[in-house]
PDB file of N, CA and C in Angstrom:
ATOM      1  N   LEU A   1      11.171  27.974 -39.590  1.00  0.00           N
ATOM      2  CA  LEU A   1      12.038  29.733 -39.384  1.00  0.00           C
ATOM      3  C   LEU A   1      12.572  30.122 -40.480  1.00  0.00           C
ATOM      4  N   ARG A   2      12.549  29.321 -41.521  1.00  0.00           N
ATOM      5  CA  ARG A   2      13.166  30.389 -42.742  1.00  0.00           C
ATOM      6  C   ARG A   2      12.175  31.198 -43.312  1.00  0.00           C
ATOM      7  N   ARG A   3      10.234  30.481 -43.041  1.00  0.00           N
ATOM      8  CA  ARG A   3       9.415  31.008 -43.678  1.00  0.00           C
ATOM      9  C   ARG A   3       9.093  32.445 -42.543  1.00  0.00           C
ATOM     10  N   LEU A   4       9.630  33.016 -41.819  1.00  0.00           N
ATOM     11  CA  LEU A   4       9.082  33.805 -40.717  1.00  0.00           C
ATOM     12  C   LEU A   4       9.920  35.580 -41.407  1.00  0.00           C
ATOM     13  N   ASP A   5       9.391  36.227 -42.081  1.00  0.00           N
ATOM     14  CA  ASP A   5       9.506  37.501 -42.524  1.00  0.00           C
ATOM     15  C   ASP A   5      11.046  38.293 -41.675  1.00  0.00           C
ATOM     16  N   VAL A   6      11.666  37.974 -40.104  1.00  0.00           N
ATOM     17  CA  VAL A   6      12.351  37.907 -39.891  1.00  0.00           C
ATOM     18  C   VAL A   6      13.829  37.146 -40.497  1.00  0.00           C
ATOM     19  N   SER A   7      13.366  35.983 -40.248  1.00  0.00           N
ATOM     20  CA  SER A   7      14.795  35.124 -41.290  1.00  0.00           C
ATOM     21  C   SER A   7      15.651  35.523 -42.535  1.00  0.00           C
ATOM     22  N   GLU A   8      14.841  36.708 -42.814  1.00  0.00           N
ATOM     23  CA  GLU A   8      15.279  37.431 -44.517  1.00  0.00           C
ATOM     24  C   GLU A   8      16.715  37.228 -44.741  1.00  0.00           C
ATOM     25  N   PRO A   9      17.241  38.001 -43.365  1.00  0.00           N
ATOM     26  CA  PRO A   9      18.853  38.729 -43.777  1.00  0.00           C
ATOM     27  C   PRO A   9      19.446  37.052 -43.275  1.00  0.00           C
ATOM     28  N   PHE A  10      19.047  36.360 -43.529  1.00  0.00           N
ATOM     29  CA  PHE A  10      19.590  35.101 -42.256  1.00  0.00           C
ATOM     30  C   PHE A  10      19.811  33.797 -43.296  1.00  0.00           C
ATOM     31  N   ARG A  11      18.887  33.865 -44.629  1.00  0.00           N
ATOM     32  CA  ARG A  11      18.698  32.166 -44.782  1.00  0.00           C
ATOM     33  C   ARG A  11      19.276  32.134 -46.572  1.00  0.00           C
ATOM     34  N   ALA A  12      20.090  32.881 -46.323  1.00  0.00           N
ATOM     35  CA  ALA A  12      21.480  32.785 -47.335  1.00  0.00           C
ATOM     36  C   ALA A  12      22.954  32.971 -46.743  1.00  0.00           C
ATOM     37  N   PRO A  13      24.328  32.900 -47.430  1.00  0.00           N
ATOM     38  CA  PRO A  13      25.347  33.559 -46.718  1.00  0.00           C
ATOM     39  C   PRO A  13      25.629  34.827 -46.509  1.00  0.00           C
ATOM     40  N   VAL A  14      26.393  35.456 -46.113  1.00  0.00           N
ATOM     41  CA  VAL A  14      27.301  37.004 -46.103  1.00  0.00           C
ATOM     42  C   VAL A  14      27.966  36.587 -46.766  1.00  0.00           C
ATOM     43  N   ASP A  15      27.675  37.346 -47.935  1.00  0.00           N
ATOM     44  CA  ASP A  15      28.448  37.849 -48.870  1.00  0.00           C
ATOM     45  C   ASP A  15      30.320  37.233 -48.871  1.00  0.00           C
ATOM     46  N   ALA A  16      30.721  36.674 -49.571  1.00  0.00           N
ATOM     47  CA  ALA A  16      31.980  36.308 -48.714  1.00  0.00           C
ATOM     48  C   ALA A  16      33.376  36.546 -49.038  1.00  0.00           C
ATOM     49  N   GLN A  17      32.834  38.347 -49.662  1.00  0.00           N
ATOM     50  CA  GLN A  17      33.959  39.455 -49.900  1.00  0.00           C
ATOM     51  C   GLN A  17      33.537  40.734 -48.777  1.00  0.00           C
ATOM     52  N   SER A  18      33.485  40.188 -47.797  1.00  0.00           N
ATOM     53  CA  SER A  18      32.839  41.056 -47.047  1.00  0.00           C
ATOM     54  C   SER A  18      33.959  40.611 -45.637  1.00  0.00           C
ATOM     55  N   ALA A  19      34.574  41.294 -46.129  1.00  0.00           N
ATOM     56  CA  ALA A  19      35.834  41.608 -45.035  1.00  0.00           C
ATOM     57  C   ALA A  19      35.722  41.669 -43.130  1.00  0.00           C
ATOM     58  N   ALA A  20      34.940  42.517 -43.078  1.00  0.00           N
ATOM     59  CA  ALA A  20      34.811  43.123 -41.099  1.00  0.00           C
ATOM     60  C   ALA A  20      33.684  41.753 -41.394  1.00  0.00           C
ATOM     61  N   TYR A  21      33.408  40.901 -42.321  1.00  0.00           N
ATOM     62  CA  TYR A  21      31.821  40.131 -41.366  1.00  0.00           C
ATOM     63  C   TYR A  21      33.266  38.944 -41.390  1.00  0.00           C
ATOM     64  N   ALA A  22      33.722  38.388 -41.836  1.00  0.00           N
ATOM     65  CA  ALA A  22      35.251  37.640 -42.123  1.00  0.00           C
ATOM     66  C   ALA A  22      35.708  38.059 -40.294  1.00  0.00           C
ATOM     67  N   ARG A  23      35.954  39.336 -40.106  1.00  0.00           N
ATOM     68  CA  ARG A  23      37.120  39.243 -39.781  1.00  0.00           C
ATOM     69  C   ARG A  23      35.865  39.260 -37.877  1.00  0.00           C
ATOM     70  N   VAL A  24      35.130  39.479 -38.114  1.00  0.00           N
ATOM     71  CA  VAL A  24      34.537  38.855 -36.856  1.00  0.00           C
ATOM     72  C   VAL A  24      33.925  37.406 -36.391  1.00  0.00           C
ATOM     73  N   VAL A  25      33.190  37.073 -36.947  1.00  0.00           N
ATOM     74  CA  VAL A  25      32.528  35.781 -37.825  1.00  0.00           C
ATOM     75  C   VAL A  25      33.291  34.542 -37.963  1.00  0.00           C
ATOM     76  N   ARG A  26      33.859  33.692 -36.869  1.00  0.00           N
ATOM     77  CA  ARG A  26      34.772  32.308 -37.541  1.00  0.00           C
ATOM     78  C   ARG A  26      34.046  31.482 -37.586  1.00  0.00           C
ATOM     79  N   GLU A  27      32.780  30.846 -37.302  1.00  0.00           N
ATOM     80  CA  GLU A  27      32.328  30.610 -37.404  1.00  0.00           C
ATOM     81  C   GLU A  27      31.106  30.454 -38.825  1.00  0.00           C
ATOM     82  N   PRO A  28      31.699  30.847 -40.124  1.00  0.00           N
ATOM     83  CA  PRO A  28      29.829  31.420 -40.476  1.00  0.00           C
ATOM     84  C   PRO A  28      29.241  30.506 -40.537  1.00  0.00           C
ATOM     85  N   ILE A  29      27.474  30.803 -40.297  1.00  0.00           N
ATOM     86  CA  ILE A  29      26.157  29.438 -40.950  1.00  0.00           C
ATOM     87  C   ILE A  29      25.163  30.883 -40.912  1.00  0.00           C
ATOM     88  N   ASP A  30      23.802  29.822 -42.238  1.00  0.00           N
ATOM     89  CA  ASP A  30      23.104  30.380 -42.188  1.00  0.00           C
ATOM     90  C   ASP A  30      21.791  29.079 -42.146  1.00  0.00           C
ATOM     91  N   LEU A  31      20.598  30.047 -42.320  1.00  0.00           N
ATOM     92  CA  LEU A  31      19.767  28.971 -42.333  1.00  0.00           C
ATOM     93  C   LEU A  31      19.730  28.055 -43.580  1.00  0.00           C
ATOM     94  N   SER A  32      20.073  28.512 -44.758  1.00  0.00           N
ATOM     95  CA  SER A  32      20.539  27.007 -46.406  1.00  0.00           C
ATOM     96  C   SER A  32      20.614  26.128 -45.636  1.00  0.00           C
ATOM     97  N   ALA A  33      21.839  26.854 -44.858  1.00  0.00           N
ATOM     98  CA  ALA A  33      23.190  26.111 -44.477  1.00  0.00           C
ATOM     99  C   ALA A  33      22.561  24.769 -43.516  1.00  0.00           C
ATOM    100  N   VAL A  34      22.382  25.259 -42.404  1.00  0.00           N
ATOM    101  CA  VAL A  34      21.517  24.862 -42.036  1.00  0.00           C
ATOM    102  C   VAL A  34      20.000  23.375 -42.328  1.00  0.00           C
ATOM    103  N   ALA A  35      19.777  23.710 -43.465  1.00  0.00           N
ATOM    104  CA  ALA A  35      18.875  23.287 -44.584  1.00  0.00           C
ATOM    105  C   ALA A  35      19.207  22.096 -44.498  1.00  0.00           C
ATOM    106  N   ARG A  36      20.263  22.394 -45.116  1.00  0.00           N
ATOM    107  CA  ARG A  36      21.384  21.171 -46.432  1.00  0.00           C
ATOM    108  C   ARG A  36      21.553  20.347 -45.563  1.00  0.00           C
ATOM    109  N   LYS A  37      22.466  20.937 -43.852  1.00  0.00           N
ATOM    110  CA  LYS A  37      22.962  19.726 -43.422  1.00  0.00           C
ATOM    111  C   LYS A  37      21.380  19.160 -42.566  1.00  0.00           C
ATOM    112  N   LEU A  38      20.782  19.555 -42.591  1.00  0.00           N
ATOM    113  CA  LEU A  38      19.309  18.682 -41.692  1.00  0.00           C
ATOM    114  C   LEU A  38      18.665  16.838 -42.878  1.00  0.00           C
ATOM    115  N   ARG A  39      18.714  18.456 -44.177  1.00  0.00           N
ATOM    116  CA  ARG A  39      18.243  16.994 -44.972  1.00  0.00           C
ATOM    117  C   ARG A  39      19.377  15.998 -45.797  1.00  0.00           C
ATOM    118  N   SER A  40      20.790  16.565 -45.322  1.00  0.00           N
ATOM    119  CA  SER A  40      21.648  15.155 -45.644  1.00  0.00           C
ATOM    120  C   SER A  40      22.761  14.518 -44.502  1.00  0.00           C
ATOM    121  N   GLY A  41      21.383  14.503 -43.317  1.00  0.00           N
ATOM    122  CA  GLY A  41      21.936  14.069 -42.740  1.00  0.00           C
ATOM    123  C   GLY A  41      22.936  14.034 -41.284  1.00  0.00           C
ATOM    124  N   GLY A  42      23.587  15.767 -42.057  1.00  0.00           N
ATOM    125  CA  GLY A  42      24.592  16.227 -40.937  1.00  0.00           C
ATOM    126  C   GLY A  42      24.674  16.233 -39.481  1.00  0.00           C
ATOM    127  N   TYR A  43      23.164  15.947 -39.321  1.00  0.00           N
ATOM    128  CA  TYR A  43      22.836  15.701 -37.606  1.00  0.00           C
ATOM    129  C   TYR A  43      22.849  14.801 -37.293  1.00  0.00           C
ATOM    130  N   ALA A  44      22.891  13.617 -37.632  1.00  0.00           N
ATOM    131  CA  ALA A  44      22.881  12.148 -36.936  1.00  0.00           C
ATOM    132  C   ALA A  44      24.251  12.534 -35.933  1.00  0.00           C
ATOM    133  N   ALA A  45      25.593  12.521 -36.339  1.00  0.00           N
ATOM    134  CA  ALA A  45      26.175  12.629 -34.943  1.00  0.00           C
ATOM    135  C   ALA A  45      26.114  13.186 -33.924  1.00  0.00           C
ATOM    136  N   THR A  46      25.058  14.213 -33.662  1.00  0.00           N
ATOM    137  CA  THR A  46      25.445  15.359 -32.827  1.00  0.00           C
ATOM    138  C   THR A  46      24.005  15.341 -32.395  1.00  0.00           C
ATOM    139  N   GLY A  47      23.237  15.304 -33.631  1.00  0.00           N
ATOM    140  CA  GLY A  47      21.596  14.626 -33.053  1.00  0.00           C
ATOM    141  C   GLY A  47      21.319  16.074 -33.413  1.00  0.00           C
ATOM    142  N   GLY A  48      19.959  16.585 -31.727  1.00  0.00           N
ATOM    143  CA  GLY A  48      19.228  17.715 -31.772  1.00  0.00           C
ATOM    144  C   GLY A  48      19.861  18.488 -31.303  1.00  0.00           C
ATOM    145  N   ALA A  49      20.731  18.264 -30.607  1.00  0.00           N
ATOM    146  CA  ALA A  49      22.180  19.217 -30.378  1.00  0.00           C
ATOM    147  C   ALA A  49      22.365  20.402 -31.044  1.00  0.00           C
ATOM    148  N   GLY A  50      23.357  19.053 -31.564  1.00  0.00           N
ATOM    149  CA  GLY A  50      24.447  19.715 -32.881  1.00  0.00           C
ATOM    150  C   GLY A  50      23.615  21.321 -33.505  1.00  0.00           C
ATOM    151  N   PHE A  51      22.257  20.524 -34.009  1.00  0.00           N
ATOM    152  CA  PHE A  51      20.832  21.328 -35.256  1.00  0.00           C
ATOM    153  C   PHE A  51      20.327  22.741 -34.214  1.00  0.00           C
ATOM    154  N   ALA A  52      20.563  22.181 -32.658  1.00  0.00           N
ATOM    155  CA  ALA A  52      20.154  23.896 -31.627  1.00  0.00           C
ATOM    156  C   ALA A  52      21.353  24.163 -31.850  1.00  0.00           C
ATOM    157  N   ARG A  53      22.248  23.889 -32.095  1.00  0.00           N
ATOM    158  CA  ARG A  53      23.797  24.244 -31.979  1.00  0.00           C
ATOM    159  C   ARG A  53      24.061  25.787 -33.175  1.00  0.00           C
ATOM    160  N   ASP A  54      23.639  24.819 -34.369  1.00  0.00           N
ATOM    161  CA  ASP A  54      24.113  25.248 -35.245  1.00  0.00           C
ATOM    162  C   ASP A  54      22.705  26.981 -35.078  1.00  0.00           C
ATOM    163  N   VAL A  55      21.611  26.586 -35.053  1.00  0.00           N
ATOM    164  CA  VAL A  55      20.323  27.548 -35.021  1.00  0.00           C
ATOM    165  C   VAL A  55      20.520  28.615 -34.181  1.00  0.00           C
ATOM    166  N   ARG A  56      21.930  28.994 -33.249  1.00  0.00           N
ATOM    167  CA  ARG A  56      21.323  29.877 -32.632  1.00  0.00           C
ATOM    168  C   ARG A  56      23.165  29.956 -32.585  1.00  0.00           C
ATOM    169  N   LEU A  57      24.227  29.258 -33.432  1.00  0.00           N
ATOM    170  CA  LEU A  57      24.967  30.026 -33.877  1.00  0.00           C
ATOM    171  C   LEU A  57      24.673  31.233 -34.611  1.00  0.00           C
ATOM    172  N   VAL A  58      24.214  31.068 -35.443  1.00  0.00           N
ATOM    173  CA  VAL A  58      23.288  31.565 -36.651  1.00  0.00           C
ATOM    174  C   VAL A  58      23.280  33.385 -35.558  1.00  0.00           C
ATOM    175  N   HIS A  59      22.237  33.031 -34.997  1.00  0.00           N
ATOM    176  CA  HIS A  59      22.473  34.108 -33.427  1.00  0.00           C
ATOM    177  C   HIS A  59      23.418  35.329 -33.722  1.00  0.00           C
ATOM    178  N   ALA A  60      23.893  33.986 -32.947  1.00  0.00           N
ATOM    179  CA  ALA A  60      25.089  34.813 -32.476  1.00  0.00           C
ATOM    180  C   ALA A  60      26.094  35.439 -33.101  1.00  0.00           C
ATOM    181  N   ASN A  61      26.162  35.216 -34.351  1.00  0.00           N
ATOM    182  CA  ASN A  61      27.155  35.244 -35.442  1.00  0.00           C
ATOM    183  C   ASN A  61      26.337  36.726 -35.740  1.00  0.00           C
ATOM    184  N   ALA A  62      25.371  36.972 -36.425  1.00  0.00           N
ATOM    185  CA  ALA A  62      24.293  38.429 -35.966  1.00  0.00           C
ATOM    186  C   ALA A  62      24.904  39.471 -34.727  1.00  0.00           C
ATOM    187  N   VAL A  63      24.646  38.513 -33.650  1.00  0.00           N
ATOM    188  CA  VAL A  63      24.610  39.854 -32.787  1.00  0.00           C
ATOM    189  C   VAL A  63      26.082  40.345 -32.893  1.00  0.00           C
ATOM    190  N   ALA A  64      27.335  39.167 -33.294  1.00  0.00           N
ATOM    191  CA  ALA A  64      28.954  39.501 -32.827  1.00  0.00           C
ATOM    192  C   ALA A  64      29.320  40.457 -34.452  1.00  0.00           C
ATOM    193  N   PHE A  65      28.231  40.159 -34.966  1.00  0.00           N
ATOM    194  CA  PHE A  65      28.158  41.403 -35.973  1.00  0.00           C
ATOM    195  C   PHE A  65      28.118  42.967 -36.220  1.00  0.00           C
ATOM    196  N   CYS A  66      26.773  42.798 -35.442  1.00  0.00           N
ATOM    197  CA  CYS A  66      26.251  44.107 -35.058  1.00  0.00           C
ATOM    198  C   CYS A  66      26.659  45.134 -34.288  1.00  0.00           C
ATOM    199  N   GLU A  67      27.103  44.300 -32.751  1.00  0.00           N
ATOM    200  CA  GLU A  67      28.327  44.497 -31.851  1.00  0.00           C
ATOM    201  C   GLU A  67      29.464  44.814 -32.522  1.00  0.00           C
ATOM    202  N   ARG A  68      29.708  44.330 -32.896  1.00  0.00           N
ATOM    203  CA  ARG A  68      31.683  44.415 -33.187  1.00  0.00           C
ATOM    204  C   ARG A  68      32.407  44.548 -34.893  1.00  0.00           C
ATOM    205  N   GLY A  69      31.186  44.735 -35.698  1.00  0.00           N
ATOM    206  CA  GLY A  69      31.281  45.153 -37.171  1.00  0.00           C
ATOM    207  C   GLY A  69      31.750  46.035 -37.655  1.00  0.00           C
ATOM    208  N   ASP A  70      31.479  46.684 -38.633  1.00  0.00           N
ATOM    209  CA  ASP A  70      31.740  47.776 -38.930  1.00  0.00           C
ATOM    210  C   ASP A  70      30.514  48.090 -39.667  1.00  0.00           C
ATOM    211  N   SER A  71      29.336  47.340 -39.934  1.00  0.00           N
ATOM    212  CA  SER A  71      28.036  47.371 -40.515  1.00  0.00           C
ATOM    213  C   SER A  71      27.376  49.050 -40.173  1.00  0.00           C
ATOM    214  N   GLU A  72      26.945  49.519 -40.336  1.00  0.00           N
ATOM    215  CA  GLU A  72      25.487  51.043 -40.300  1.00  0.00           C
ATOM    216  C   GLU A  72      25.164  50.754 -39.137  1.00  0.00           C
ATOM    217  N   PRO A  73      25.238  51.574 -37.870  1.00  0.00           N
ATOM    218  CA  PRO A  73      24.511  51.309 -36.918  1.00  0.00           C
ATOM    219  C   PRO A  73      22.706  50.981 -37.015  1.00  0.00           C
ATOM    220  N   ARG A  74      22.725  51.567 -37.804  1.00  0.00           N
ATOM    221  CA  ARG A  74      21.411  51.223 -37.671  1.00  0.00           C
ATOM    222  C   ARG A  74      20.712  49.685 -38.246  1.00  0.00           C
ATOM    223  N   GLU A  75      21.074  49.582 -39.487  1.00  0.00           N
ATOM    224  CA  GLU A  75      21.519  48.173 -40.765  1.00  0.00           C
ATOM    225  C   GLU A  75      21.214  47.049 -39.371  1.00  0.00           C
ATOM    226  N   ALA A  76      22.371  47.431 -38.504  1.00  0.00           N
ATOM    227  CA  ALA A  76      23.045  46.969 -37.171  1.00  0.00           C
ATOM    228  C   ALA A  76      22.027  46.071 -36.512  1.00  0.00           C
ATOM    229  N   CYS A  77      21.132  47.605 -36.409  1.00  0.00           N
ATOM    230  CA  CYS A  77      20.262  46.642 -35.241  1.00  0.00           C
ATOM    231  C   CYS A  77      19.302  47.154 -35.655  1.00  0.00           C
ATOM    232  N   ALA A  78      18.483  46.917 -36.265  1.00  0.00           N
ATOM    233  CA  ALA A  78      17.801  45.743 -37.508  1.00  0.00           C
ATOM    234  C   ALA A  78      18.181  44.259 -38.055  1.00  0.00           C
ATOM    235  N   VAL A  79      19.391  44.226 -37.610  1.00  0.00           N
ATOM    236  CA  VAL A  79      19.535  42.646 -38.054  1.00  0.00           C
ATOM    237  C   VAL A  79      19.709  42.090 -36.533  1.00  0.00           C
ATOM    238  N   MET A  80      19.899  42.590 -35.593  1.00  0.00           N
ATOM    239  CA  MET A  80      20.239  42.359 -34.050  1.00  0.00           C
ATOM    240  C   MET A  80      18.567  42.096 -34.299  1.00  0.00           C
ATOM    241  N   ARG A  81      17.806  43.170 -34.130  1.00  0.00           N
ATOM    242  CA  ARG A  81      16.340  42.584 -33.596  1.00  0.00           C
ATOM    243  C   ARG A  81      16.039  41.687 -34.399  1.00  0.00           C
ATOM    244  N   ALA A  82      16.130  41.854 -35.885  1.00  0.00           N
ATOM    245  CA  ALA A  82      16.273  40.268 -36.725  1.00  0.00           C
ATOM    246  C   ALA A  82      16.377  39.041 -35.896  1.00  0.00           C
ATOM    247  N   ALA A  83      17.402  39.394 -35.667  1.00  0.00           N
ATOM    248  CA  ALA A  83      17.892  37.731 -34.863  1.00  0.00           C
ATOM    249  C   ALA A  83      17.117  37.277 -34.051  1.00  0.00           C
ATOM    250  N   GLN A  84      17.151  38.220 -32.809  1.00  0.00           N
ATOM    251  CA  GLN A  84      16.466  38.426 -31.376  1.00  0.00           C
ATOM    252  C   GLN A  84      15.063  37.176 -31.612  1.00  0.00           C
ATOM    253  N   VAL A  85      14.368  37.789 -32.744  1.00  0.00           N
ATOM    254  CA  VAL A  85      13.096  37.235 -33.126  1.00  0.00           C
ATOM    255  C   VAL A  85      13.150  36.228 -32.973  1.00  0.00           C
ATOM    256  N   LEU A  86      13.968  35.777 -33.822  1.00  0.00           N
ATOM    257  CA  LEU A  86      13.924  34.174 -34.969  1.00  0.00           C
ATOM    258  C   LEU A  86      14.342  33.323 -33.368  1.00  0.00           C
ATOM    259  N   ARG A  87      15.959  34.210 -33.334  1.00  0.00           N
ATOM    260  CA  ARG A  87      16.056  33.128 -31.664  1.00  0.00           C
ATOM    261  C   ARG A  87      15.079  32.362 -31.004  1.00  0.00           C
ATOM    262  N   ALA A  88      14.176  34.350 -30.823  1.00  0.00           N
ATOM    263  CA  ALA A  88      12.685  33.420 -29.614  1.00  0.00           C
ATOM    264  C   ALA A  88      11.567  32.878 -30.410  1.00  0.00           C
ATOM    265  N   ALA A  89      12.038  32.974 -31.026  1.00  0.00           N
ATOM    266  CA  ALA A  89      10.378  31.825 -32.274  1.00  0.00           C
ATOM    267  C   ALA A  89      10.971  30.295 -32.319  1.00  0.00           C
ATOM    268  N   PHE A  90      12.850  30.288 -32.380  1.00  0.00           N
ATOM    269  CA  PHE A  90      13.507  28.782 -32.304  1.00  0.00           C
ATOM    270  C   PHE A  90      13.787  27.661 -30.901  1.00  0.00           C
ATOM    271  N   GLU A  91      13.391  29.024 -30.132  1.00  0.00           N
ATOM    272  CA  GLU A  91      13.590  28.176 -28.544  1.00  0.00           C
ATOM    273  C   GLU A  91      12.258  28.224 -27.977  1.00  0.00           C
ATOM    274  N   GLY A  92      11.195  28.973 -28.312  1.00  0.00           N
ATOM    275  CA  GLY A  92       9.799  28.523 -28.392  1.00  0.00           C
ATOM    276  C   GLY A  92       9.214  26.960 -28.733  1.00  0.00           C
ATOM    277  N   ARG A  93       9.804  26.722 -30.172  1.00  0.00           N
ATOM    278  CA  ARG A  93       9.622  25.771 -31.280  1.00  0.00           C
ATOM    279  C   ARG A  93      10.136  24.523 -30.002  1.00  0.00           C
ATOM    280  N   TRP A  94      11.311  25.144 -30.481  1.00  0.00           N
ATOM    281  CA  TRP A  94      12.411  24.003 -29.648  1.00  0.00           C
ATOM    282  C   TRP A  94      11.911  23.367 -28.189  1.00  0.00           C
ATOM    283  N   ALA A  95      11.747  23.823 -27.478  1.00  0.00           N
ATOM    284  CA  ALA A  95      10.956  23.282 -25.984  1.00  0.00           C
ATOM    285  C   ALA A  95       9.953  22.891 -26.150  1.00  0.00           C
ATOM    286  N   ALA A  96       8.912  23.214 -27.001  1.00  0.00           N
ATOM    287  CA  ALA A  96       8.383  22.695 -27.688  1.00  0.00           C
ATOM    288  C   ALA A  96       8.248  20.981 -27.736  1.00  0.00           C
ATOM    289  N   GLU A  97       9.458  21.074 -29.240  1.00  0.00           N
ATOM    290  CA  GLU A  97       9.749  19.845 -29.771  1.00  0.00           C
ATOM    291  C   GLU A  97      10.465  18.806 -28.675  1.00  0.00           C
ATOM    292  N   VAL A  98      10.891  19.334 -27.897  1.00  0.00           N
ATOM    293  CA  VAL A  98      11.972  18.846 -26.972  1.00  0.00           C
ATOM    294  C   VAL A  98      10.957  17.783 -25.467  1.00  0.00           C
ATOM    295  N   THR A  99       9.814  19.065 -25.533  1.00  0.00           N
ATOM    296  CA  THR A  99       8.745  17.995 -24.327  1.00  0.00           C
ATOM    297  C   THR A  99       8.353  17.310 -24.762  1.00  0.00           C
ATOM    298  N   THR A 100       7.457  17.718 -26.523  1.00  0.00           N
ATOM    299  CA  THR A 100       7.561  17.030 -27.201  1.00  0.00           C
ATOM    300  C   THR A 100       7.730  15.120 -26.880  1.00  0.00           C
ATOM    301  N   ASN A 101       8.989  15.742 -27.535  1.00  0.00           N
ATOM    302  CA  ASN A 101       9.760  14.216 -27.962  1.00  0.00           C
ATOM    303  C   ASN A 101       9.609  13.414 -25.961  1.00  0.00           C
ATOM    304  N   ARG A 102       9.815  13.906 -25.247  1.00  0.00           N
ATOM    305  CA  ARG A 102      10.471  13.746 -23.738  1.00  0.00           C
ATOM    306  C   ARG A 102       9.217  12.783 -23.584  1.00  0.00           C
ATOM    307  N   HIS A 103       7.420  13.397 -23.771  1.00  0.00           N
ATOM    308  CA  HIS A 103       6.625  12.326 -23.287  1.00  0.00           C
ATOM    309  C   HIS A 103       6.215  11.236 -23.773  1.00  0.00           C
ATOM    310  N   SER A 104       6.922  11.627 -25.271  1.00  0.00           N
ATOM    311  CA  SER A 104       6.911  10.260 -26.123  1.00  0.00           C
ATOM    312  C   SER A 104       7.196   9.443 -26.049  1.00  0.00           C
ATOM    313  N   ARG A 105       8.714   9.565 -25.309  1.00  0.00           N
ATOM    314  CA  ARG A 105       9.910   8.599 -25.174  1.00  0.00           C
ATOM    315  C   ARG A 105       9.309   8.305 -23.636  1.00  0.00           C
ATOM    316  N   THR A 106       8.392   8.704 -22.894  1.00  0.00           N
ATOM    317  CA  THR A 106       7.890   8.105 -21.449  1.00  0.00           C
ATOM    318  C   THR A 106       7.030   7.382 -22.042  1.00  0.00           C
ATOM    319  N   ALA A 107       6.346   7.516 -23.001  1.00  0.00           N
ATOM    320  CA  ALA A 107       5.193   6.720 -22.564  1.00  0.00           C
ATOM    321  C   ALA A 107       5.264   5.774 -23.878  1.00  0.00           C
ATOM    322  N   ASP A 108       6.577   5.593 -24.255  1.00  0.00           N
ATOM    323  CA  ASP A 108       6.545   4.424 -25.398  1.00  0.00           C
ATOM    324  C   ASP A 108       7.613   3.329 -24.234  1.00  0.00           C
ATOM    325  N   VAL A 109       8.165   3.827 -22.766  1.00  0.00           N
ATOM    326  CA  VAL A 109       8.911   2.991 -22.129  1.00  0.00           C
ATOM    327  C   VAL A 109       8.112   2.362 -20.950  1.00  0.00           C
ATOM    328  N   GLY A 110       6.544   3.303 -21.168  1.00  0.00           N
ATOM    329  CA  GLY A 110       5.153   2.545 -20.572  1.00  0.00           C
ATOM    330  C   GLY A 110       4.596   4.026 -19.082  1.00  0.00           C
ATOM    331  N   GLY A 111       6.221   4.396 -19.586  1.00  0.00           N
ATOM    332  CA  GLY A 111       6.270   5.385 -17.705  1.00  0.00           C
ATOM    333  C   GLY A 111       5.162   6.779 -18.016  1.00  0.00           C
ATOM    334  N   GLY A 112       4.175   6.260 -18.858  1.00  0.00           N
ATOM    335  CA  GLY A 112       3.271   7.633 -18.973  1.00  0.00           C
ATOM    336  C   GLY A 112       2.223   7.540 -19.170  1.00  0.00           C
ATOM    337  N   GLY A 113       2.062   6.100 -20.357  1.00  0.00           N
ATOM    338  CA  GLY A 113       0.641   5.982 -20.632  1.00  0.00           C
ATOM    339  C   GLY A 113      -0.526   5.997 -19.785  1.00  0.00           C
ATOM    340  N   ASP A 114      -1.755   6.256 -20.203  1.00  0.00           N
ATOM    341  CA  ASP A 114      -3.277   5.961 -18.833  1.00  0.00           C
ATOM    342  C   ASP A 114      -3.625   4.576 -19.199  1.00  0.00           C
ATOM    343  N   ASP A 115      -2.688   4.304 -20.014  1.00  0.00           N
ATOM    344  CA  ASP A 115      -4.212   2.262 -20.555  1.00  0.00           C
ATOM    345  C   ASP A 115      -3.398   0.977 -19.487  1.00  0.00           C
ATOM    346  N   ASP A 116      -2.652   1.289 -18.358  1.00  0.00           N
ATOM    347  CA  ASP A 116      -2.937   0.404 -18.041  1.00  0.00           C
ATOM    348  C   ASP A 116      -2.986  -1.077 -18.037  1.00  0.00           C
ATOM    349  N   ASP A 117      -2.519  -2.420 -17.975  1.00  0.00           N
ATOM    350  CA  ASP A 117      -3.091  -3.403 -18.370  1.00  0.00           C
ATOM    351  C   ASP A 117      -3.049  -4.183 -17.039  1.00  0.00           C
ATOM    352  N   ASP A 118      -3.449  -3.776 -16.338  1.00  0.00           N
ATOM    353  CA  ASP A 118      -3.277  -4.369 -14.625  1.00  0.00           C
ATOM    354  C   ASP A 118      -4.928  -5.458 -14.787  1.00  0.00           C
TER     355      ASP A 118
END
């Protein structure tokens, strides 16, 4: 996701000095924080659900700030559109990953393979 052009506003934390952002967003997160957490095993307890929650939170924070923040309307619209494209890209990839893993687990327990030993 970080390689997508639209991810640029979400690759690093929002400036900590932004009072407007702090007023609106209670749980700030960005893609670099998600990547660090992923690399360090921070999703061990929550698994894929925790990872997906954090990526979706990036989107939710952007939407909340654009709708209720003090940002320039034109800029807010651009950030919101970028967040929507990023979310759509994530959801498409996430659905494919979940489907792949579901099929893999089924095959591992013998429920989905074509090589019967009868």
